[in-house]
């Protein structure tokens, strides 16, 4: 198996209105990189590298440079047909986590096309045909209009982004609960912007049974079991899985879910390994996007489908874009997205929105 070509493209997609990241960075444009791989002159694959400011301080040029260094060596080699050997070879390259996700995705997508299999079947024998998606409510969205839209689209679970000021967050959550009126589950994403005392105060002001869980309420992860005992509210881990490593994955009491971002974790295989570990402990998995375009979401949808079980996807993000890179964007219906059986091909991509580098 040989690499016929590996093309690198950049994109810049406008948001409908500025998107607030971690309560700090307002983004008007989403910049990223698309990989287009051809194997043996016929098998094509697409992958996405979508670093997001607020999570990483590197400029986009650093990712392009890392890719070009990888491309220089990767395209000179005969690739092993055996999957494990192929990815061992890829592991020998020093890749930035976001780049590793894109590289793994582009290779897997090309292999899926070669084998004439849906992408999810490379990772599971009986993947789901459709996945449950969490509706997203950003912190500055007008509540009534946004909540009604999510309910109309059939979302059964809604993620509410907190602003970080606990009293304002309590008011907002109560408004959301009133609008939802038990028609969907609610969980809150705080991004560690509360203190531990803030979290206790929130729990005292809200009926705990109305909140499915709180994502990263505070930085002191060692206090999660204590918080759960005092409030009865479970927690989901997200950024602490990256920053705290082995320390946090050992915490089980009071932890309901792990939010896995393959872009930041460093790839599909790392995400699958963490999902297996979570399943063994009865921890729910949420595969989450980082405002990727539809090309990146295509891989995330199939990854969620392969994990299966009660795995959900936090990928309700395309609605914030003016346009997508796919001619037929991934759209949620009745709170679900379908894992398309057909692999991506050139005809699915809006190449007019891409610039080769």
Protein backbone atom coordinates (compact mmCIF):
# COMPACT_ATOMS: atom_id res chain seq x y z
CA UNK A 1 0.00 0.00 0.00
CA UNK A 2 1.52 3.30 -1.09
CA UNK A 3 0.67 6.94 -0.54
CA UNK A 4 -0.04 8.44 -3.95
CA UNK A 5 -0.57 11.91 -2.55
CA UNK A 6 -1.19 13.75 0.70
CA UNK A 7 -2.57 17.23 0.13
CA UNK A 8 -2.87 19.89 2.83
CA UNK A 9 -5.58 22.55 2.68
CA UNK A 10 -6.51 25.42 4.95
CA UNK A 11 -9.98 26.80 5.54
CA UNK A 12 -11.55 29.79 7.25
CA UNK A 13 -15.28 29.51 7.96
CA UNK A 14 -17.28 32.45 9.37
CA UNK A 15 -19.58 32.04 12.36
CA UNK A 16 -23.09 33.52 12.18
CA UNK A 17 -22.20 35.56 15.26
CA UNK A 18 -19.13 35.57 17.55
CA UNK A 19 -18.71 32.35 19.54
CA UNK A 20 -17.40 32.60 23.09
CA UNK A 21 -14.77 29.99 24.02
CA UNK A 22 -14.19 29.33 27.74
CA UNK A 23 -15.78 32.68 28.51
CA UNK A 24 -12.71 34.49 27.18
CA UNK A 25 -12.05 34.29 23.45
CA UNK A 26 -14.63 35.54 20.99
CA UNK A 27 -14.20 33.84 17.63
CA UNK A 28 -15.67 35.19 14.42
CA UNK A 29 -13.86 32.75 12.13
CA UNK A 30 -13.05 29.06 12.48
CA UNK A 31 -9.66 28.27 11.01
CA UNK A 32 -8.48 24.74 10.38
CA UNK A 33 -6.68 22.29 8.12
CA UNK A 34 -8.03 19.53 5.89
CA UNK A 35 -5.97 16.52 4.78
CA UNK A 36 -6.72 14.73 1.52
CA UNK A 37 -4.98 11.36 1.21
CA UNK A 38 -4.89 9.07 -1.82
CA UNK A 39 -3.66 5.48 -1.46
CA UNK A 40 -2.63 3.35 -4.44
CA UNK A 41 -3.96 5.98 -6.87
CA UNK A 42 -7.59 5.24 -5.96
CA UNK A 43 -8.52 5.13 -2.25
CA UNK A 44 -9.27 8.59 -0.86
CA UNK A 45 -9.58 9.78 2.70
CA UNK A 46 -10.27 13.10 4.41
CA UNK A 47 -9.26 14.26 7.88
CA UNK A 48 -9.37 17.51 9.82
CA UNK A 49 -6.98 19.31 12.15
CA UNK A 50 -8.98 21.92 14.05
CA UNK A 51 -6.98 23.59 16.84
CA UNK A 52 -9.02 26.06 18.88
CA UNK A 53 -7.65 29.15 20.58
CA UNK A 54 -8.28 28.94 24.29
CA UNK A 55 -7.13 25.32 24.38
CA UNK A 56 -3.76 25.76 22.66
CA UNK A 57 -1.46 28.76 22.23
CA UNK A 58 0.08 27.59 18.96
CA UNK A 59 -0.60 29.47 15.75
CA UNK A 60 -2.06 27.59 12.78
CA UNK A 61 1.31 27.71 11.00
CA UNK A 62 2.80 25.42 13.68
CA UNK A 63 0.31 22.69 12.75
CA UNK A 64 1.01 23.14 9.04
CA UNK A 65 4.75 22.83 9.71
CA UNK A 66 4.23 19.66 11.78
CA UNK A 67 2.13 18.20 8.95
CA UNK A 68 4.67 19.05 6.28
CA UNK A 69 7.43 17.34 8.27
CA UNK A 70 5.21 14.28 8.63
CA UNK A 71 4.27 14.34 4.93
CA UNK A 72 7.93 14.42 3.86
CA UNK A 73 8.64 11.04 5.45
CA UNK A 74 5.20 9.44 5.24
CA UNK A 75 4.88 9.73 1.48
CA UNK A 76 8.26 8.07 0.84
CA UNK A 77 7.36 4.80 2.54
CA UNK A 78 5.57 1.61 1.61
CA UNK A 79 2.77 1.37 4.17
CA UNK A 80 2.00 -1.87 6.02
CA UNK A 81 -1.34 -3.40 5.04
CA UNK A 82 -1.84 -4.61 8.62
CA UNK A 83 -3.57 -1.87 10.63
CA UNK A 84 -1.61 -2.26 13.88
CA UNK A 85 1.71 -2.09 12.05
CA UNK A 86 0.54 0.93 10.07
CA UNK A 87 -0.35 2.90 13.18
CA UNK A 88 2.82 1.83 14.97
CA UNK A 89 4.65 3.47 12.10
CA UNK A 90 2.55 6.64 12.48
CA UNK A 91 3.30 6.59 16.23
CA UNK A 92 7.01 6.95 15.41
CA UNK A 93 6.37 10.52 14.21
CA UNK A 94 6.28 13.42 16.68
CA UNK A 95 2.80 14.74 16.03
CA UNK A 96 0.90 17.48 17.87
CA UNK A 97 -2.32 15.93 19.33
CA UNK A 98 -4.62 17.82 16.95
CA UNK A 99 -2.44 16.73 14.01
CA UNK A 100 -2.48 13.11 15.18
CA UNK A 101 -6.29 13.13 15.18
CA UNK A 102 -6.35 14.45 11.62
CA UNK A 103 -3.73 11.96 10.43
CA UNK A 104 -5.50 8.98 12.02
CA UNK A 105 -8.85 10.13 10.61
CA UNK A 106 -7.53 10.56 7.05
CA UNK A 107 -5.86 7.12 7.08
CA UNK A 108 -8.91 5.37 8.56
CA UNK A 109 -11.23 7.04 6.04
CA UNK A 110 -9.07 5.90 3.12
CA UNK A 111 -8.92 2.35 4.50
CA UNK A 112 -12.72 2.33 4.92
CA UNK A 113 -13.11 3.24 1.27
CA UNK A 114 -10.60 0.57 0.22
CA UNK A 115 -12.43 -2.09 2.23
CA UNK A 116 -15.83 -0.76 1.14
CA UNK A 117 -16.94 -0.54 4.77
CA UNK A 118 -18.63 2.25 6.73
CA UNK A 119 -16.00 3.97 8.87
CA UNK A 120 -17.47 2.81 12.20
CA UNK A 121 -17.06 -0.85 11.16
CA UNK A 122 -13.28 -0.43 11.39
CA UNK A 123 -13.66 -0.02 15.16
CA UNK A 124 -16.67 -2.19 16.05
CA UNK A 125 -18.41 -5.29 14.74
CA UNK A 126 -21.92 -3.97 15.42
CA UNK A 127 -21.81 -0.16 15.58
CA UNK A 128 -24.94 1.94 16.04
CA UNK A 129 -26.63 3.21 12.89
CA UNK A 130 -27.55 6.50 14.60
CA UNK A 131 -26.20 8.35 17.63
CA UNK A 132 -27.76 10.48 20.34
CA UNK A 133 -26.62 14.11 20.26
CA UNK A 134 -26.60 16.60 23.13
CA UNK A 135 -28.17 19.92 22.16
CA UNK A 136 -25.91 22.89 22.90
CA UNK A 137 -26.97 26.14 24.55
CA UNK A 138 -24.14 28.69 24.51
CA UNK A 139 -23.85 31.23 27.30
CA UNK A 140 -24.94 34.31 25.34
CA UNK A 141 -27.83 32.81 23.34
CA UNK A 142 -31.36 34.18 23.83
CA UNK A 143 -32.90 31.48 25.98
CA UNK A 144 -36.52 31.17 24.88
CA UNK A 145 -35.74 31.04 21.17
CA UNK A 146 -32.75 28.69 21.56
CA UNK A 147 -34.44 26.25 23.98
CA UNK A 148 -37.60 26.06 21.88
CA UNK A 149 -35.48 25.36 18.80
CA UNK A 150 -33.66 22.50 20.56
CA UNK A 151 -36.94 20.97 21.76
CA UNK A 152 -38.48 21.33 18.31
CA UNK A 153 -35.50 19.40 16.87
CA UNK A 154 -36.13 16.58 19.32
CA UNK A 155 -33.07 16.86 21.55
CA UNK A 156 -33.52 14.76 24.68
CA UNK A 157 -30.45 16.10 26.45
CA UNK A 158 -29.30 19.74 26.54
CA UNK A 159 -25.90 21.06 27.58
CA UNK A 160 -26.08 24.54 29.13
CA UNK A 161 -22.84 26.54 29.09
CA UNK A 162 -22.35 28.41 32.36
CA UNK A 163 -21.03 31.95 32.48
CA UNK A 164 -18.94 31.43 35.63
CA UNK A 165 -20.81 33.85 37.91
CA UNK A 166 -22.73 31.44 40.06
CA UNK A 167 -25.75 33.63 40.95
CA UNK A 168 -26.29 34.50 37.28
CA UNK A 169 -25.85 30.85 36.37
CA UNK A 170 -28.53 29.83 38.89
CA UNK A 171 -30.98 32.33 37.40
CA UNK A 172 -30.21 31.12 33.88
CA UNK A 173 -30.48 27.43 34.72
CA UNK A 174 -33.82 28.00 36.43
CA UNK A 175 -35.08 29.78 33.31
CA UNK A 176 -33.91 26.87 31.14
CA UNK A 177 -35.58 24.33 33.46
CA UNK A 178 -38.85 26.26 33.28
CA UNK A 179 -38.71 26.42 29.48
CA UNK A 180 -37.79 22.74 29.13
CA UNK A 181 -40.50 21.68 31.61
CA UNK A 182 -39.18 18.09 31.95
CA UNK A 183 -39.12 17.50 28.17
CA UNK A 184 -35.34 16.98 28.11
CA UNK A 185 -32.48 16.27 30.50
CA UNK A 186 -30.26 19.18 31.49
CA UNK A 187 -26.56 19.22 32.30
CA UNK A 188 -24.30 22.17 32.91
CA UNK A 189 -20.78 22.89 31.62
CA UNK A 190 -18.83 25.18 33.92
CA UNK A 191 -15.28 24.71 32.55
CA UNK A 192 -13.88 24.91 36.13
CA UNK A 193 -14.98 28.54 36.44
CA UNK A 194 -16.64 28.13 39.84
CA UNK A 195 -14.93 27.72 43.19
CA UNK A 196 -15.83 24.65 45.24
CA UNK A 197 -17.99 26.87 47.48
CA UNK A 198 -19.74 28.27 44.40
CA UNK A 199 -20.62 24.73 43.36
CA UNK A 200 -22.10 24.00 46.81
CA UNK A 201 -24.06 27.24 46.66
CA UNK A 202 -25.42 26.30 43.22
CA UNK A 203 -26.49 22.89 44.52
CA UNK A 204 -28.32 24.51 47.43
CA UNK A 205 -30.29 26.78 45.09
CA UNK A 206 -31.27 24.15 42.50
CA UNK A 207 -33.27 20.96 42.85
CA UNK A 208 -30.41 18.43 42.36
CA UNK A 209 -32.61 15.83 40.66
CA UNK A 210 -33.26 18.28 37.83
CA UNK A 211 -29.57 18.33 36.84
CA UNK A 212 -28.19 15.25 35.09
CA UNK A 213 -24.59 16.21 35.94
CA UNK A 214 -22.22 19.19 36.02
CA UNK A 215 -19.24 19.21 33.70
CA UNK A 216 -16.03 20.37 35.41
CA UNK A 217 -17.62 22.53 38.15
CA UNK A 218 -14.30 23.40 39.87
CA UNK A 219 -10.55 22.80 39.58
CA UNK A 220 -10.07 20.71 42.75
CA UNK A 221 -10.89 17.34 41.21
CA UNK A 222 -9.97 15.54 44.45
CA UNK A 223 -13.10 17.13 46.00
CA UNK A 224 -15.50 15.47 43.54
CA UNK A 225 -16.46 12.56 45.88
CA UNK A 226 -17.05 15.02 48.74
CA UNK A 227 -19.17 17.26 46.49
CA UNK A 228 -21.25 14.28 45.41
CA UNK A 229 -21.83 13.20 49.04
CA UNK A 230 -22.93 16.69 50.05
CA UNK A 231 -25.17 17.45 47.08
CA UNK A 232 -26.13 14.23 45.29
CA UNK A 233 -25.05 15.85 42.00
CA UNK A 234 -22.68 13.86 39.79
CA UNK A 235 -19.84 15.35 37.77
CA UNK A 236 -18.48 14.91 34.24
CA UNK A 237 -14.75 15.19 33.55
CA UNK A 238 -13.45 16.98 30.47
CA UNK A 239 -10.38 19.24 30.54
CA UNK A 240 -9.08 17.62 33.73
CA UNK A 241 -8.70 14.36 31.78
CA UNK A 242 -6.04 16.24 29.81
CA UNK A 243 -4.44 18.30 32.56
CA UNK A 244 -4.53 15.87 35.50
CA UNK A 245 -3.89 12.59 33.66
CA UNK A 246 -3.60 9.47 35.83
CA UNK A 247 -4.70 11.33 38.95
CA UNK A 248 -8.18 12.12 37.67
CA UNK A 249 -8.97 8.91 35.77
CA UNK A 250 -8.76 7.03 39.08
CA UNK A 251 -11.62 9.06 40.58
CA UNK A 252 -14.83 7.04 40.32
CA UNK A 253 -17.15 8.18 43.14
CA UNK A 254 -19.39 11.00 41.96
CA UNK A 255 -18.17 10.79 38.36
CA UNK A 256 -20.96 10.05 35.89
CA UNK A 257 -19.33 10.80 32.54
CA UNK A 258 -16.09 11.39 30.69
CA UNK A 259 -16.20 13.95 27.91
CA UNK A 260 -13.68 12.79 25.33
CA UNK A 261 -12.41 15.27 22.73
CA UNK A 262 -10.42 13.20 20.19
CA UNK A 263 -8.87 16.36 18.73
CA UNK A 264 -7.23 17.22 22.08
CA UNK A 265 -6.67 13.68 23.34
CA UNK A 266 -4.49 12.94 20.34
CA UNK A 267 -6.52 10.74 18.09
CA UNK A 268 -9.11 8.09 17.52
CA UNK A 269 -7.20 5.17 19.01
CA UNK A 270 -6.50 7.03 22.26
CA UNK A 271 -10.20 7.90 22.50
CA UNK A 272 -11.26 4.29 21.93
CA UNK A 273 -8.85 3.11 24.64
CA UNK A 274 -10.22 5.66 27.13
CA UNK A 275 -13.79 4.72 26.21
CA UNK A 276 -13.01 1.07 26.98
CA UNK A 277 -11.61 2.07 30.37
CA UNK A 278 -14.69 4.17 31.14
CA UNK A 279 -17.06 1.35 30.18
CA UNK A 280 -15.36 -1.03 32.63
CA UNK A 281 -16.21 1.36 35.46
CA UNK A 282 -19.75 2.11 34.31
CA UNK A 283 -18.84 5.67 33.34
CA UNK A 284 -20.87 7.24 30.54
CA UNK A 285 -18.98 8.52 27.50
CA UNK A 286 -19.60 11.71 25.57
CA UNK A 287 -17.59 12.14 22.36
CA UNK A 288 -17.22 15.88 21.95
CA UNK A 289 -16.29 18.16 19.08
CA UNK A 290 -14.14 21.27 19.13
CA UNK A 291 -16.16 23.23 16.56
CA UNK A 292 -14.81 21.12 13.70
CA UNK A 293 -16.34 21.35 10.25
CA UNK A 294 -18.51 18.56 8.90
CA UNK A 295 -15.39 16.70 7.72
CA UNK A 296 -14.17 16.31 11.30
CA UNK A 297 -17.68 15.63 12.56
CA UNK A 298 -18.07 12.77 10.07
CA UNK A 299 -15.28 10.87 11.87
CA UNK A 300 -16.65 11.81 15.31
CA UNK A 301 -20.12 10.52 14.43
CA UNK A 302 -18.71 7.17 13.34
CA UNK A 303 -16.48 7.03 16.42
CA UNK A 304 -19.52 7.56 18.66
CA UNK A 305 -21.43 4.90 16.73
CA UNK A 306 -18.54 2.44 17.22
CA UNK A 307 -18.36 3.03 20.97
CA UNK A 308 -22.12 2.39 21.16
CA UNK A 309 -23.95 1.71 24.40
CA UNK A 310 -25.22 4.91 25.97
CA UNK A 311 -22.43 6.96 24.36
CA UNK A 312 -23.61 10.38 23.25
CA UNK A 313 -22.03 13.05 21.08
CA UNK A 314 -21.46 16.69 21.92
CA UNK A 315 -21.45 17.81 18.29
CA UNK A 316 -24.33 20.28 18.02
CA UNK A 317 -21.96 22.96 16.70
CA UNK A 318 -22.49 23.30 12.94
CA UNK A 319 -25.56 25.47 13.58
CA UNK A 320 -23.20 28.31 14.54
CA UNK A 321 -21.47 28.33 11.13
CA UNK A 322 -22.51 30.39 8.10
CA UNK A 323 -21.63 27.37 5.90
CA UNK A 324 -19.95 23.98 6.08
CA UNK A 325 -17.23 22.23 4.07
CA UNK A 326 -19.59 19.36 3.25
CA UNK A 327 -22.18 19.86 0.51
CA UNK A 328 -24.62 17.91 2.67
CA UNK A 329 -23.89 18.87 6.30
CA UNK A 330 -24.47 16.47 9.18
CA UNK A 331 -27.87 17.46 10.57
CA UNK A 332 -29.55 16.25 13.76
CA UNK A 333 -33.09 14.95 13.47
CA UNK A 334 -35.11 13.97 16.55
CA UNK A 335 -31.95 14.59 18.58
CA UNK A 336 -29.98 12.01 16.57
CA UNK A 337 -27.46 11.92 13.73
CA UNK A 338 -27.09 9.08 11.27
CA UNK A 339 -23.73 7.40 10.73
CA UNK A 340 -23.70 7.53 6.95
CA UNK A 341 -22.83 4.20 5.34
CA UNK A 342 -20.97 5.76 2.41
CA UNK A 343 -17.41 7.02 3.05
CA UNK A 344 -16.60 10.63 2.17
CA UNK A 345 -15.43 11.27 -1.39
CA UNK A 346 -14.20 14.26 -3.39
CA UNK A 347 -17.73 14.95 -4.57
CA UNK A 348 -18.88 15.57 -0.98
CA UNK A 349 -16.43 18.43 -0.33
CA UNK A 350 -16.75 22.14 -1.10
CA UNK A 351 -13.24 22.59 -2.46
CA UNK A 352 -13.99 26.23 -3.29
CA UNK A 353 -13.75 26.90 0.48
CA UNK A 354 -10.28 25.32 0.71
CA UNK A 355 -6.83 26.71 -0.09
CA UNK A 356 -3.99 24.27 -0.74
CA UNK A 357 -0.72 24.91 1.10
